[in-house]
Amino acid sequence: MKHIVMLVSVAAMMAAAMALSGVAQAKPISGSADAKCAKLAIKTLGASFNPSKYTFIGGTEGPDMFCGFGGDDSIEILDAGDIFLGGDGNDFGFQNAGTFNGETGDDSVVVNFGTISNVEHVG
């Protein structure tokens, strides 16, 4: 019985320590597409992945709009009709077939088939 009480106490202390350190706490997820994106990231990247360091943005089957707001943001693929607004910081897009607006910073797009503005490096 002493061993069980000790194990329960240790488990409770570990859970409290993780909660205080932010290890097991993810940022709030606002929509079902965002939750689906978070689940896929956790499944794909495994147990060492810490979701609390990320904001999950799940798109739709149709056109989507993404806003970086600040910091160094990146997006891999923008399809036709998608819009990316980078905000302040060095923003990066790999393949753009939509609209990529880097705004301020040293921004770049590797492959462009769409519309770009405020981008210093293309190709």
PDB file of N, CA and C in Angstrom:
ATOM      1  N   MET A   1       0.815  -1.182   0.000  1.00  0.00           N
ATOM      2  CA  MET A   1       0.000   0.000   0.000  1.00  0.00           C
ATOM      3  C   MET A   1       0.868   1.259   0.000  1.00  0.00           C
ATOM      4  N   LYS A   2       1.988   1.230   0.738  1.00  0.00           N
ATOM      5  CA  LYS A   2       2.878   2.386   0.783  1.00  0.00           C
ATOM      6  C   LYS A   2       3.425   2.698  -0.613  1.00  0.00           C
ATOM      7  N   HIS A   3       3.727   1.627  -1.380  1.00  0.00           N
ATOM      8  CA  HIS A   3       4.276   1.813  -2.724  1.00  0.00           C
ATOM      9  C   HIS A   3       3.254   2.486  -3.643  1.00  0.00           C
ATOM     10  N   ILE A   4       2.014   2.114  -3.527  1.00  0.00           N
ATOM     11  CA  ILE A   4       0.973   2.709  -4.369  1.00  0.00           C
ATOM     12  C   ILE A   4       0.802   4.189  -4.030  1.00  0.00           C
ATOM     13  N   VAL A   5       0.766   4.517  -2.757  1.00  0.00           N
ATOM     14  CA  VAL A   5       0.634   5.908  -2.338  1.00  0.00           C
ATOM     15  C   VAL A   5       1.827   6.716  -2.833  1.00  0.00           C
ATOM     16  N   MET A   6       3.023   6.130  -2.739  1.00  0.00           N
ATOM     17  CA  MET A   6       4.223   6.820  -3.190  1.00  0.00           C
ATOM     18  C   MET A   6       4.174   7.044  -4.701  1.00  0.00           C
ATOM     19  N   LEU A   7       3.769   6.037  -5.475  1.00  0.00           N
ATOM     20  CA  LEU A   7       3.692   6.175  -6.927  1.00  0.00           C
ATOM     21  C   LEU A   7       2.668   7.226  -7.337  1.00  0.00           C
ATOM     22  N   VAL A   8       1.522   7.231  -6.673  1.00  0.00           N
ATOM     23  CA  VAL A   8       0.496   8.230  -6.973  1.00  0.00           C
ATOM     24  C   VAL A   8       1.021   9.626  -6.652  1.00  0.00           C
ATOM     25  N   SER A   9       1.729   9.781  -5.542  1.00  0.00           N
ATOM     26  CA  SER A   9       2.294  11.080  -5.162  1.00  0.00           C
ATOM     27  C   SER A   9       3.324  11.550  -6.177  1.00  0.00           C
ATOM     28  N   VAL A  10       4.192  10.663  -6.614  1.00  0.00           N
ATOM     29  CA  VAL A  10       5.215  11.011  -7.611  1.00  0.00           C
ATOM     30  C   VAL A  10       4.553  11.403  -8.927  1.00  0.00           C
ATOM     31  N   ALA A  11       3.541  10.638  -9.339  1.00  0.00           N
ATOM     32  CA  ALA A  11       2.836  10.956 -10.580  1.00  0.00           C
ATOM     33  C   ALA A  11       2.161  12.321 -10.493  1.00  0.00           C
ATOM     34  N   ALA A  12       1.555  12.634  -9.364  1.00  0.00           N
ATOM     35  CA  ALA A  12       0.906  13.934  -9.178  1.00  0.00           C
ATOM     36  C   ALA A  12       1.923  15.071  -9.219  1.00  0.00           C
ATOM     37  N   MET A  13       3.088  14.861  -8.616  1.00  0.00           N
ATOM     38  CA  MET A  13       4.131  15.891  -8.634  1.00  0.00           C
ATOM     39  C   MET A  13       4.660  16.103 -10.050  1.00  0.00           C
ATOM     40  N   MET A  14       4.829  15.026 -10.806  1.00  0.00           N
ATOM     41  CA  MET A  14       5.312  15.153 -12.183  1.00  0.00           C
ATOM     42  C   MET A  14       4.293  15.886 -13.045  1.00  0.00           C
ATOM     43  N   ALA A  15       3.025  15.570 -12.880  1.00  0.00           N
ATOM     44  CA  ALA A  15       1.973  16.249 -13.648  1.00  0.00           C
ATOM     45  C   ALA A  15       1.948  17.735 -13.317  1.00  0.00           C
ATOM     46  N   ALA A  16       2.087  18.076 -12.046  1.00  0.00           N
ATOM     47  CA  ALA A  16       2.108  19.483 -11.638  1.00  0.00           C
ATOM     48  C   ALA A  16       3.326  20.201 -12.208  1.00  0.00           C
ATOM     49  N   ALA A  17       4.472  19.555 -12.187  1.00  0.00           N
ATOM     50  CA  ALA A  17       5.698  20.167 -12.722  1.00  0.00           C
ATOM     51  C   ALA A  17       5.570  20.395 -14.225  1.00  0.00           C
ATOM     52  N   MET A  18       4.998  19.430 -14.942  1.00  0.00           N
ATOM     53  CA  MET A  18       4.805  19.588 -16.391  1.00  0.00           C
ATOM     54  C   MET A  18       3.835  20.726 -16.675  1.00  0.00           C
ATOM     55  N   ALA A  19       2.773  20.821 -15.907  1.00  0.00           N
ATOM     56  CA  ALA A  19       1.799  21.894 -16.112  1.00  0.00           C
ATOM     57  C   ALA A  19       2.430  23.258 -15.877  1.00  0.00           C
ATOM     58  N   LEU A  20       3.250  23.382 -14.841  1.00  0.00           N
ATOM     59  CA  LEU A  20       3.900  24.655 -14.542  1.00  0.00           C
ATOM     60  C   LEU A  20       4.950  25.023 -15.576  1.00  0.00           C
ATOM     61  N   SER A  21       5.615  24.022 -16.151  1.00  0.00           N
ATOM     62  CA  SER A  21       6.655  24.305 -17.136  1.00  0.00           C
ATOM     63  C   SER A  21       6.098  24.529 -18.527  1.00  0.00           C
ATOM     64  N   GLY A  22       4.831  24.207 -18.761  1.00  0.00           N
ATOM     65  CA  GLY A  22       4.227  24.400 -20.073  1.00  0.00           C
ATOM     66  C   GLY A  22       4.435  23.240 -21.005  1.00  0.00           C
ATOM     67  N   VAL A  23       5.011  22.143 -20.539  1.00  0.00           N
ATOM     68  CA  VAL A  23       5.325  21.017 -21.413  1.00  0.00           C
ATOM     69  C   VAL A  23       4.092  20.409 -22.049  1.00  0.00           C
ATOM     70  N   ALA A  24       3.065  20.174 -21.288  1.00  0.00           N
ATOM     71  CA  ALA A  24       1.906  19.463 -21.827  1.00  0.00           C
ATOM     72  C   ALA A  24       0.770  20.406 -22.188  1.00  0.00           C
ATOM     73  N   GLN A  25       1.058  21.683 -22.355  1.00  0.00           N
ATOM     74  CA  GLN A  25       0.003  22.637 -22.624  1.00  0.00           C
ATOM     75  C   GLN A  25       0.113  23.161 -24.045  1.00  0.00           C
ATOM     76  N   ALA A  26      -0.908  22.941 -24.829  1.00  0.00           N
ATOM     77  CA  ALA A  26      -0.955  23.473 -26.179  1.00  0.00           C
ATOM     78  C   ALA A  26      -1.723  24.787 -26.163  1.00  0.00           C
ATOM     79  N   LYS A  27      -1.470  25.621 -27.174  1.00  0.00           N
ATOM     80  CA  LYS A  27      -2.228  26.851 -27.313  1.00  0.00           C
ATOM     81  C   LYS A  27      -3.667  26.487 -27.662  1.00  0.00           C
ATOM     82  N   PRO A  28      -4.606  27.360 -27.321  1.00  0.00           N
ATOM     83  CA  PRO A  28      -6.002  27.071 -27.659  1.00  0.00           C
ATOM     84  C   PRO A  28      -6.175  26.918 -29.164  1.00  0.00           C
ATOM     85  N   ILE A  29      -6.973  25.975 -29.551  1.00  0.00           N
ATOM     86  CA  ILE A  29      -7.237  25.722 -30.965  1.00  0.00           C
ATOM     87  C   ILE A  29      -8.674  26.135 -31.233  1.00  0.00           C
ATOM     88  N   SER A  30      -8.847  27.064 -32.189  1.00  0.00           N
ATOM     89  CA  SER A  30     -10.142  27.694 -32.352  1.00  0.00           C
ATOM     90  C   SER A  30     -11.120  26.934 -33.228  1.00  0.00           C
ATOM     91  N   GLY A  31     -10.690  26.196 -34.203  1.00  0.00           N
ATOM     92  CA  GLY A  31     -11.636  25.560 -35.111  1.00  0.00           C
ATOM     93  C   GLY A  31     -11.298  24.111 -35.387  1.00  0.00           C
ATOM     94  N   SER A  32     -12.220  23.425 -36.040  1.00  0.00           N
ATOM     95  CA  SER A  32     -12.011  22.006 -36.311  1.00  0.00           C
ATOM     96  C   SER A  32     -10.866  21.776 -37.293  1.00  0.00           C
ATOM     97  N   ALA A  33     -10.684  22.679 -38.265  1.00  0.00           N
ATOM     98  CA  ALA A  33      -9.554  22.532 -39.193  1.00  0.00           C
ATOM     99  C   ALA A  33      -8.230  22.712 -38.462  1.00  0.00           C
ATOM    100  N   ASP A  34      -8.197  23.629 -37.498  1.00  0.00           N
ATOM    101  CA  ASP A  34      -6.989  23.842 -36.698  1.00  0.00           C
ATOM    102  C   ASP A  34      -6.685  22.611 -35.844  1.00  0.00           C
ATOM    103  N   ALA A  35      -7.729  22.035 -35.248  1.00  0.00           N
ATOM    104  CA  ALA A  35      -7.557  20.832 -34.424  1.00  0.00           C
ATOM    105  C   ALA A  35      -7.068  19.669 -35.271  1.00  0.00           C
ATOM    106  N   LYS A  36      -7.585  19.542 -36.480  1.00  0.00           N
ATOM    107  CA  LYS A  36      -7.157  18.474 -37.397  1.00  0.00           C
ATOM    108  C   LYS A  36      -5.679  18.661 -37.757  1.00  0.00           C
ATOM    109  N   CYS A  37      -5.276  19.899 -37.965  1.00  0.00           N
ATOM    110  CA  CYS A  37      -3.878  20.216 -38.276  1.00  0.00           C
ATOM    111  C   CYS A  37      -2.979  19.853 -37.101  1.00  0.00           C
ATOM    112  N   ALA A  38      -3.393  20.198 -35.879  1.00  0.00           N
ATOM    113  CA  ALA A  38      -2.609  19.887 -34.683  1.00  0.00           C
ATOM    114  C   ALA A  38      -2.464  18.380 -34.500  1.00  0.00           C
ATOM    115  N   LYS A  39      -3.552  17.644 -34.672  1.00  0.00           N
ATOM    116  CA  LYS A  39      -3.500  16.187 -34.539  1.00  0.00           C
ATOM    117  C   LYS A  39      -2.544  15.568 -35.551  1.00  0.00           C
ATOM    118  N   LEU A  40      -2.609  16.053 -36.794  1.00  0.00           N
ATOM    119  CA  LEU A  40      -1.722  15.526 -37.836  1.00  0.00           C
ATOM    120  C   LEU A  40      -0.262  15.823 -37.510  1.00  0.00           C
ATOM    121  N   ALA A  41       0.029  17.020 -37.012  1.00  0.00           N
ATOM    122  CA  ALA A  41       1.408  17.383 -36.656  1.00  0.00           C
ATOM    123  C   ALA A  41       1.929  16.487 -35.542  1.00  0.00           C
ATOM    124  N   ILE A  42       1.116  16.268 -34.514  1.00  0.00           N
ATOM    125  CA  ILE A  42       1.533  15.431 -33.386  1.00  0.00           C
ATOM    126  C   ILE A  42       1.752  13.994 -33.838  1.00  0.00           C
ATOM    127  N   LYS A  43       0.848  13.484 -34.671  1.00  0.00           N
ATOM    128  CA  LYS A  43       0.974  12.113 -35.178  1.00  0.00           C
ATOM    129  C   LYS A  43       2.222  11.963 -36.054  1.00  0.00           C
ATOM    130  N   THR A  44       2.450  12.937 -36.906  1.00  0.00           N
ATOM    131  CA  THR A  44       3.557  12.865 -37.853  1.00  0.00           C
ATOM    132  C   THR A  44       4.913  13.064 -37.183  1.00  0.00           C
ATOM    133  N   LEU A  45       4.988  14.009 -36.253  1.00  0.00           N
ATOM    134  CA  LEU A  45       6.279  14.377 -35.669  1.00  0.00           C
ATOM    135  C   LEU A  45       6.640  13.608 -34.408  1.00  0.00           C
ATOM    136  N   GLY A  46       5.690  12.899 -33.819  1.00  0.00           N
ATOM    137  CA  GLY A  46       5.990  12.002 -32.715  1.00  0.00           C
ATOM    138  C   GLY A  46       6.004  12.640 -31.342  1.00  0.00           C
ATOM    139  N   ALA A  47       6.385  11.832 -30.369  1.00  0.00           N
ATOM    140  CA  ALA A  47       6.306  12.193 -28.948  1.00  0.00           C
ATOM    141  C   ALA A  47       7.222  13.355 -28.568  1.00  0.00           C
ATOM    142  N   SER A  48       8.305  13.554 -29.279  1.00  0.00           N
ATOM    143  CA  SER A  48       9.227  14.634 -28.911  1.00  0.00           C
ATOM    144  C   SER A  48       8.731  16.005 -29.376  1.00  0.00           C
ATOM    145  N   PHE A  49       7.714  16.042 -30.223  1.00  0.00           N
ATOM    146  CA  PHE A  49       7.172  17.302 -30.724  1.00  0.00           C
ATOM    147  C   PHE A  49       6.401  18.014 -29.619  1.00  0.00           C
ATOM    148  N   ASN A  50       6.688  19.303 -29.407  1.00  0.00           N
ATOM    149  CA  ASN A  50       6.027  20.103 -28.376  1.00  0.00           C
ATOM    150  C   ASN A  50       5.049  21.067 -29.039  1.00  0.00           C
ATOM    151  N   PRO A  51       3.746  20.741 -29.054  1.00  0.00           N
ATOM    152  CA  PRO A  51       2.769  21.585 -29.750  1.00  0.00           C
ATOM    153  C   PRO A  51       2.549  22.944 -29.110  1.00  0.00           C
ATOM    154  N   SER A  52       2.979  23.141 -27.870  1.00  0.00           N
ATOM    155  CA  SER A  52       2.749  24.427 -27.201  1.00  0.00           C
ATOM    156  C   SER A  52       3.551  25.563 -27.828  1.00  0.00           C
ATOM    157  N   LYS A  53       4.526  25.236 -28.656  1.00  0.00           N
ATOM    158  CA  LYS A  53       5.350  26.262 -29.297  1.00  0.00           C
ATOM    159  C   LYS A  53       4.776  26.742 -30.625  1.00  0.00           C
ATOM    160  N   TYR A  54       3.626  26.214 -31.041  1.00  0.00           N
ATOM    161  CA  TYR A  54       3.091  26.485 -32.371  1.00  0.00           C
ATOM    162  C   TYR A  54       1.641  26.939 -32.329  1.00  0.00           C
ATOM    163  N   THR A  55       1.261  27.676 -33.343  1.00  0.00           N
ATOM    164  CA  THR A  55      -0.131  27.991 -33.602  1.00  0.00           C
ATOM    165  C   THR A  55      -0.527  27.170 -34.819  1.00  0.00           C
ATOM    166  N   PHE A  56      -1.609  26.433 -34.710  1.00  0.00           N
ATOM    167  CA  PHE A  56      -2.033  25.549 -35.792  1.00  0.00           C
ATOM    168  C   PHE A  56      -3.112  26.223 -36.625  1.00  0.00           C
ATOM    169  N   ILE A  57      -2.887  26.249 -37.923  1.00  0.00           N
ATOM    170  CA  ILE A  57      -3.836  26.853 -38.842  1.00  0.00           C
ATOM    171  C   ILE A  57      -4.184  25.813 -39.892  1.00  0.00           C
ATOM    172  N   GLY A  58      -5.372  25.308 -39.810  1.00  0.00           N
ATOM    173  CA  GLY A  58      -5.849  24.344 -40.790  1.00  0.00           C
ATOM    174  C   GLY A  58      -6.649  25.070 -41.844  1.00  0.00           C
ATOM    175  N   GLY A  59      -6.319  24.850 -43.079  1.00  0.00           N
ATOM    176  CA  GLY A  59      -7.042  25.482 -44.172  1.00  0.00           C
ATOM    177  C   GLY A  59      -8.327  24.744 -44.491  1.00  0.00           C
ATOM    178  N   THR A  60      -8.899  25.085 -45.613  1.00  0.00           N
ATOM    179  CA  THR A  60     -10.115  24.433 -46.079  1.00  0.00           C
ATOM    180  C   THR A  60      -9.848  23.824 -47.444  1.00  0.00           C
ATOM    181  N   GLU A  61     -10.846  23.194 -47.995  1.00  0.00           N
ATOM    182  CA  GLU A  61     -10.718  22.661 -49.356  1.00  0.00           C
ATOM    183  C   GLU A  61     -10.728  23.793 -50.386  1.00  0.00           C
ATOM    184  N   GLY A  62     -11.245  24.959 -50.017  1.00  0.00           N
ATOM    185  CA  GLY A  62     -11.305  26.115 -50.912  1.00  0.00           C
ATOM    186  C   GLY A  62     -10.192  27.095 -50.633  1.00  0.00           C
ATOM    187  N   PRO A  63     -10.318  28.318 -51.154  1.00  0.00           N
ATOM    188  CA  PRO A  63      -9.302  29.349 -50.925  1.00  0.00           C
ATOM    189  C   PRO A  63      -9.188  29.705 -49.433  1.00  0.00           C
ATOM    190  N   ASP A  64      -7.982  29.981 -48.980  1.00  0.00           N
ATOM    191  CA  ASP A  64      -7.720  30.315 -47.587  1.00  0.00           C
ATOM    192  C   ASP A  64      -6.868  31.570 -47.503  1.00  0.00           C
ATOM    193  N   MET A  65      -6.947  32.256 -46.349  1.00  0.00           N
ATOM    194  CA  MET A  65      -6.112  33.421 -46.099  1.00  0.00           C
ATOM    195  C   MET A  65      -5.309  33.184 -44.829  1.00  0.00           C
ATOM    196  N   PHE A  66      -4.000  33.435 -44.895  1.00  0.00           N
ATOM    197  CA  PHE A  66      -3.099  33.224 -43.774  1.00  0.00           C
ATOM    198  C   PHE A  66      -2.402  34.542 -43.457  1.00  0.00           C
ATOM    199  N   CYS A  67      -2.337  34.905 -42.190  1.00  0.00           N
ATOM    200  CA  CYS A  67      -1.671  36.139 -41.767  1.00  0.00           C
ATOM    201  C   CYS A  67      -0.547  35.794 -40.799  1.00  0.00           C
ATOM    202  N   GLY A  68       0.661  36.253 -41.111  1.00  0.00           N
ATOM    203  CA  GLY A  68       1.797  36.003 -40.240  1.00  0.00           C
ATOM    204  C   GLY A  68       1.908  37.000 -39.106  1.00  0.00           C
ATOM    205  N   PHE A  69       1.449  38.227 -39.298  1.00  0.00           N
ATOM    206  CA  PHE A  69       1.445  39.320 -38.334  1.00  0.00           C
ATOM    207  C   PHE A  69       2.825  39.806 -37.938  1.00  0.00           C
ATOM    208  N   GLY A  70       3.761  39.000 -37.648  1.00  0.00           N
ATOM    209  CA  GLY A  70       5.092  39.437 -37.255  1.00  0.00           C
ATOM    210  C   GLY A  70       5.974  38.239 -37.037  1.00  0.00           C
ATOM    211  N   GLY A  71       7.239  38.471 -36.968  1.00  0.00           N
ATOM    212  CA  GLY A  71       8.179  37.361 -36.833  1.00  0.00           C
ATOM    213  C   GLY A  71       8.501  36.784 -38.199  1.00  0.00           C
ATOM    214  N   ASP A  72       9.342  35.792 -38.216  1.00  0.00           N
ATOM    215  CA  ASP A  72       9.744  35.140 -39.460  1.00  0.00           C
ATOM    216  C   ASP A  72       8.755  34.013 -39.744  1.00  0.00           C
ATOM    217  N   ASP A  73       7.898  34.213 -40.738  1.00  0.00           N
ATOM    218  CA  ASP A  73       6.844  33.255 -41.065  1.00  0.00           C
ATOM    219  C   ASP A  73       7.141  32.570 -42.383  1.00  0.00           C
ATOM    220  N   SER A  74       6.646  31.350 -42.515  1.00  0.00           N
ATOM    221  CA  SER A  74       6.829  30.651 -43.785  1.00  0.00           C
ATOM    222  C   SER A  74       5.586  29.843 -44.113  1.00  0.00           C
ATOM    223  N   ILE A  75       5.400  29.649 -45.401  1.00  0.00           N
ATOM    224  CA  ILE A  75       4.308  28.816 -45.882  1.00  0.00           C
ATOM    225  C   ILE A  75       4.856  28.037 -47.066  1.00  0.00           C
ATOM    226  N   GLU A  76       4.549  26.758 -47.104  1.00  0.00           N
ATOM    227  CA  GLU A  76       5.130  25.935 -48.147  1.00  0.00           C
ATOM    228  C   GLU A  76       4.441  26.132 -49.490  1.00  0.00           C
ATOM    229  N   ILE A  77       3.129  25.985 -49.531  1.00  0.00           N
ATOM    230  CA  ILE A  77       2.411  26.068 -50.805  1.00  0.00           C
ATOM    231  C   ILE A  77       1.169  26.930 -50.649  1.00  0.00           C
ATOM    232  N   LEU A  78       1.037  27.902 -51.543  1.00  0.00           N
ATOM    233  CA  LEU A  78      -0.199  28.665 -51.664  1.00  0.00           C
ATOM    234  C   LEU A  78      -0.841  28.262 -52.984  1.00  0.00           C
ATOM    235  N   ASP A  79      -2.046  27.740 -52.909  1.00  0.00           N
ATOM    236  CA  ASP A  79      -2.779  27.370 -54.120  1.00  0.00           C
ATOM    237  C   ASP A  79      -3.484  28.597 -54.681  1.00  0.00           C
ATOM    238  N   ALA A  80      -3.976  28.487 -55.920  1.00  0.00           N
ATOM    239  CA  ALA A  80      -4.720  29.576 -56.540  1.00  0.00           C
ATOM    240  C   ALA A  80      -5.872  29.972 -55.624  1.00  0.00           C
ATOM    241  N   GLY A  81      -6.006  31.264 -55.387  1.00  0.00           N
ATOM    242  CA  GLY A  81      -7.055  31.776 -54.515  1.00  0.00           C
ATOM    243  C   GLY A  81      -6.609  31.972 -53.073  1.00  0.00           C
ATOM    244  N   ASP A  82      -5.519  31.312 -52.635  1.00  0.00           N
ATOM    245  CA  ASP A  82      -5.001  31.485 -51.271  1.00  0.00           C
ATOM    246  C   ASP A  82      -4.255  32.814 -51.173  1.00  0.00           C
ATOM    247  N   ILE A  83      -4.271  33.390 -49.987  1.00  0.00           N
ATOM    248  CA  ILE A  83      -3.597  34.670 -49.741  1.00  0.00           C
ATOM    249  C   ILE A  83      -2.740  34.539 -48.490  1.00  0.00           C
ATOM    250  N   PHE A  84      -1.504  35.034 -48.553  1.00  0.00           N
ATOM    251  CA  PHE A  84      -0.601  35.055 -47.404  1.00  0.00           C
ATOM    252  C   PHE A  84      -0.166  36.494 -47.171  1.00  0.00           C
ATOM    253  N   LEU A  85      -0.380  36.989 -45.955  1.00  0.00           N
ATOM    254  CA  LEU A  85       0.079  38.315 -45.557  1.00  0.00           C
ATOM    255  C   LEU A  85       1.145  38.125 -44.486  1.00  0.00           C
ATOM    256  N   GLY A  86       2.401  38.357 -44.838  1.00  0.00           N
ATOM    257  CA  GLY A  86       3.498  38.031 -43.945  1.00  0.00           C
ATOM    258  C   GLY A  86       3.655  38.920 -42.732  1.00  0.00           C
ATOM    259  N   GLY A  87       3.398  40.195 -42.852  1.00  0.00           N
ATOM    260  CA  GLY A  87       3.630  41.101 -41.728  1.00  0.00           C
ATOM    261  C   GLY A  87       5.113  41.384 -41.560  1.00  0.00           C
ATOM    262  N   ASP A  88       5.473  41.995 -40.434  1.00  0.00           N
ATOM    263  CA  ASP A  88       6.880  42.301 -40.152  1.00  0.00           C
ATOM    264  C   ASP A  88       7.672  41.006 -40.029  1.00  0.00           C
ATOM    265  N   GLY A  89       8.908  41.035 -40.468  1.00  0.00           N
ATOM    266  CA  GLY A  89       9.785  39.866 -40.338  1.00  0.00           C
ATOM    267  C   GLY A  89      10.195  39.341 -41.698  1.00  0.00           C
ATOM    268  N   ASN A  90      11.039  38.338 -41.683  1.00  0.00           N
ATOM    269  CA  ASN A  90      11.556  37.723 -42.903  1.00  0.00           C
ATOM    270  C   ASN A  90      10.675  36.535 -43.255  1.00  0.00           C
ATOM    271  N   ASP A  91       9.792  36.738 -44.225  1.00  0.00           N
ATOM    272  CA  ASP A  91       8.815  35.716 -44.588  1.00  0.00           C
ATOM    273  C   ASP A  91       9.280  34.932 -45.804  1.00  0.00           C
ATOM    274  N   PHE A  92       8.847  33.662 -45.854  1.00  0.00           N
ATOM    275  CA  PHE A  92       9.324  32.757 -46.891  1.00  0.00           C
ATOM    276  C   PHE A  92       8.157  31.945 -47.437  1.00  0.00           C
ATOM    277  N   GLY A  93       8.112  31.832 -48.746  1.00  0.00           N
ATOM    278  CA  GLY A  93       7.145  30.949 -49.394  1.00  0.00           C
ATOM    279  C   GLY A  93       7.881  30.053 -50.363  1.00  0.00           C
ATOM    280  N   PHE A  94       7.558  28.766 -50.351  1.00  0.00           N
ATOM    281  CA  PHE A  94       8.232  27.872 -51.292  1.00  0.00           C
ATOM    282  C   PHE A  94       7.581  27.948 -52.665  1.00  0.00           C
ATOM    283  N   GLN A  95       6.294  27.658 -52.751  1.00  0.00           N
ATOM    284  CA  GLN A  95       5.608  27.679 -54.039  1.00  0.00           C
ATOM    285  C   GLN A  95       4.336  28.501 -53.930  1.00  0.00           C
ATOM    286  N   ASN A  96       4.229  29.522 -54.760  1.00  0.00           N
ATOM    287  CA  ASN A  96       3.081  30.415 -54.715  1.00  0.00           C
ATOM    288  C   ASN A  96       2.315  30.369 -56.026  1.00  0.00           C
ATOM    289  N   ALA A  97       1.052  29.989 -55.942  1.00  0.00           N
ATOM    290  CA  ALA A  97       0.139  30.092 -57.083  1.00  0.00           C
ATOM    291  C   ALA A  97      -1.018  31.022 -56.727  1.00  0.00           C
ATOM    292  N   GLY A  98      -0.960  31.600 -55.518  1.00  0.00           N
ATOM    293  CA  GLY A  98      -2.003  32.513 -55.054  1.00  0.00           C
ATOM    294  C   GLY A  98      -1.469  33.925 -54.983  1.00  0.00           C
ATOM    295  N   THR A  99      -1.619  34.549 -53.832  1.00  0.00           N
ATOM    296  CA  THR A  99      -1.126  35.904 -53.587  1.00  0.00           C
ATOM    297  C   THR A  99      -0.240  35.881 -52.350  1.00  0.00           C
ATOM    298  N   PHE A 100       1.022  36.247 -52.511  1.00  0.00           N
ATOM    299  CA  PHE A 100       1.993  36.294 -51.418  1.00  0.00           C
ATOM    300  C   PHE A 100       2.382  37.745 -51.225  1.00  0.00           C
ATOM    301  N   ASN A 101       2.055  38.305 -50.068  1.00  0.00           N
ATOM    302  CA  ASN A 101       2.431  39.673 -49.739  1.00  0.00           C
ATOM    303  C   ASN A 101       3.358  39.612 -48.537  1.00  0.00           C
ATOM    304  N   GLY A 102       4.639  39.813 -48.784  1.00  0.00           N
ATOM    305  CA  GLY A 102       5.628  39.694 -47.720  1.00  0.00           C
ATOM    306  C   GLY A 102       5.576  40.816 -46.700  1.00  0.00           C
ATOM    307  N   GLU A 103       5.105  41.984 -47.097  1.00  0.00           N
ATOM    308  CA  GLU A 103       5.083  43.181 -46.268  1.00  0.00           C
ATOM    309  C   GLU A 103       6.509  43.545 -45.874  1.00  0.00           C
ATOM    310  N   THR A 104       6.794  44.014 -44.654  1.00  0.00           N
ATOM    311  CA  THR A 104       8.145  44.491 -44.335  1.00  0.00           C
ATOM    312  C   THR A 104       9.061  43.326 -43.968  1.00  0.00           C
ATOM    313  N   GLY A 105      10.338  43.468 -44.281  1.00  0.00           N
ATOM    314  CA  GLY A 105      11.326  42.433 -43.976  1.00  0.00           C
ATOM    315  C   GLY A 105      11.983  41.920 -45.244  1.00  0.00           C
ATOM    316  N   ASP A 106      12.878  40.979 -45.089  1.00  0.00           N
ATOM    317  CA  ASP A 106      13.609  40.364 -46.193  1.00  0.00           C
ATOM    318  C   ASP A 106      12.857  39.096 -46.596  1.00  0.00           C
ATOM    319  N   ASP A 107      11.930  39.231 -47.537  1.00  0.00           N
ATOM    320  CA  ASP A 107      11.001  38.156 -47.876  1.00  0.00           C
ATOM    321  C   ASP A 107      11.396  37.493 -49.191  1.00  0.00           C
ATOM    322  N   SER A 108      11.053  36.204 -49.320  1.00  0.00           N
ATOM    323  CA  SER A 108      11.409  35.496 -50.547  1.00  0.00           C
ATOM    324  C   SER A 108      10.391  34.411 -50.888  1.00  0.00           C
ATOM    325  N   VAL A 109      10.279  34.164 -52.188  1.00  0.00           N
ATOM    326  CA  VAL A 109       9.452  33.085 -52.733  1.00  0.00           C
ATOM    327  C   VAL A 109      10.339  32.316 -53.702  1.00  0.00           C
ATOM    328  N   VAL A 110      10.374  30.996 -53.573  1.00  0.00           N
ATOM    329  CA  VAL A 110      11.245  30.184 -54.422  1.00  0.00           C
ATOM    330  C   VAL A 110      10.638  29.991 -55.808  1.00  0.00           C
ATOM    331  N   VAL A 111       9.406  29.515 -55.884  1.00  0.00           N
ATOM    332  CA  VAL A 111       8.740  29.259 -57.165  1.00  0.00           C
ATOM    333  C   VAL A 111       7.450  30.071 -57.184  1.00  0.00           C
ATOM    334  N   ASN A 112       7.302  30.947 -58.186  1.00  0.00           N
ATOM    335  CA  ASN A 112       6.128  31.808 -58.224  1.00  0.00           C
ATOM    336  C   ASN A 112       5.342  31.630 -59.515  1.00  0.00           C
ATOM    337  N   PHE A 113       4.053  31.311 -59.357  1.00  0.00           N
ATOM    338  CA  PHE A 113       3.114  31.260 -60.474  1.00  0.00           C
ATOM    339  C   PHE A 113       1.975  32.244 -60.237  1.00  0.00           C
ATOM    340  N   GLY A 114       2.003  32.928 -59.111  1.00  0.00           N
ATOM    341  CA  GLY A 114       0.890  33.786 -58.717  1.00  0.00           C
ATOM    342  C   GLY A 114       1.287  35.247 -58.657  1.00  0.00           C
ATOM    343  N   THR A 115       0.709  35.926 -57.706  1.00  0.00           N
ATOM    344  CA  THR A 115       0.923  37.360 -57.525  1.00  0.00           C
ATOM    345  C   THR A 115       1.785  37.555 -56.276  1.00  0.00           C
ATOM    346  N   ILE A 116       2.807  38.396 -56.391  1.00  0.00           N
ATOM    347  CA  ILE A 116       3.650  38.703 -55.244  1.00  0.00           C
ATOM    348  C   ILE A 116       3.765  40.210 -55.089  1.00  0.00           C
ATOM    349  N   SER A 117       3.912  40.634 -53.846  1.00  0.00           N
ATOM    350  CA  SER A 117       4.199  42.043 -53.576  1.00  0.00           C
ATOM    351  C   SER A 117       5.035  42.114 -52.314  1.00  0.00           C
ATOM    352  N   ASN A 118       5.859  43.143 -52.258  1.00  0.00           N
ATOM    353  CA  ASN A 118       6.757  43.357 -51.121  1.00  0.00           C
ATOM    354  C   ASN A 118       7.655  42.138 -50.878  1.00  0.00           C
ATOM    355  N   VAL A 119       8.206  41.580 -51.930  1.00  0.00           N
ATOM    356  CA  VAL A 119       9.084  40.420 -51.865  1.00  0.00           C
ATOM    357  C   VAL A 119      10.412  40.795 -52.520  1.00  0.00           C
ATOM    358  N   GLU A 120      11.494  40.605 -51.783  1.00  0.00           N
ATOM    359  CA  GLU A 120      12.814  40.991 -52.283  1.00  0.00           C
ATOM    360  C   GLU A 120      13.456  39.935 -53.174  1.00  0.00           C
ATOM    361  N   HIS A 121      13.191  38.650 -52.896  1.00  0.00           N
ATOM    362  CA  HIS A 121      13.876  37.579 -53.633  1.00  0.00           C
ATOM    363  C   HIS A 121      12.849  36.611 -54.214  1.00  0.00           C
ATOM    364  N   VAL A 122      12.927  36.409 -55.529  1.00  0.00           N
ATOM    365  CA  VAL A 122      12.045  35.453 -56.218  1.00  0.00           C
ATOM    366  C   VAL A 122      12.919  34.522 -57.028  1.00  0.00           C
ATOM    367  N   GLY A 123      12.682  33.230 -56.855  1.00  0.00           N
ATOM    368  CA  GLY A 123      13.401  32.239 -57.638  1.00  0.00           C
ATOM    369  C   GLY A 123      14.651  31.723 -57.036  1.00  0.00           C
TER     370      GLY A 123
END
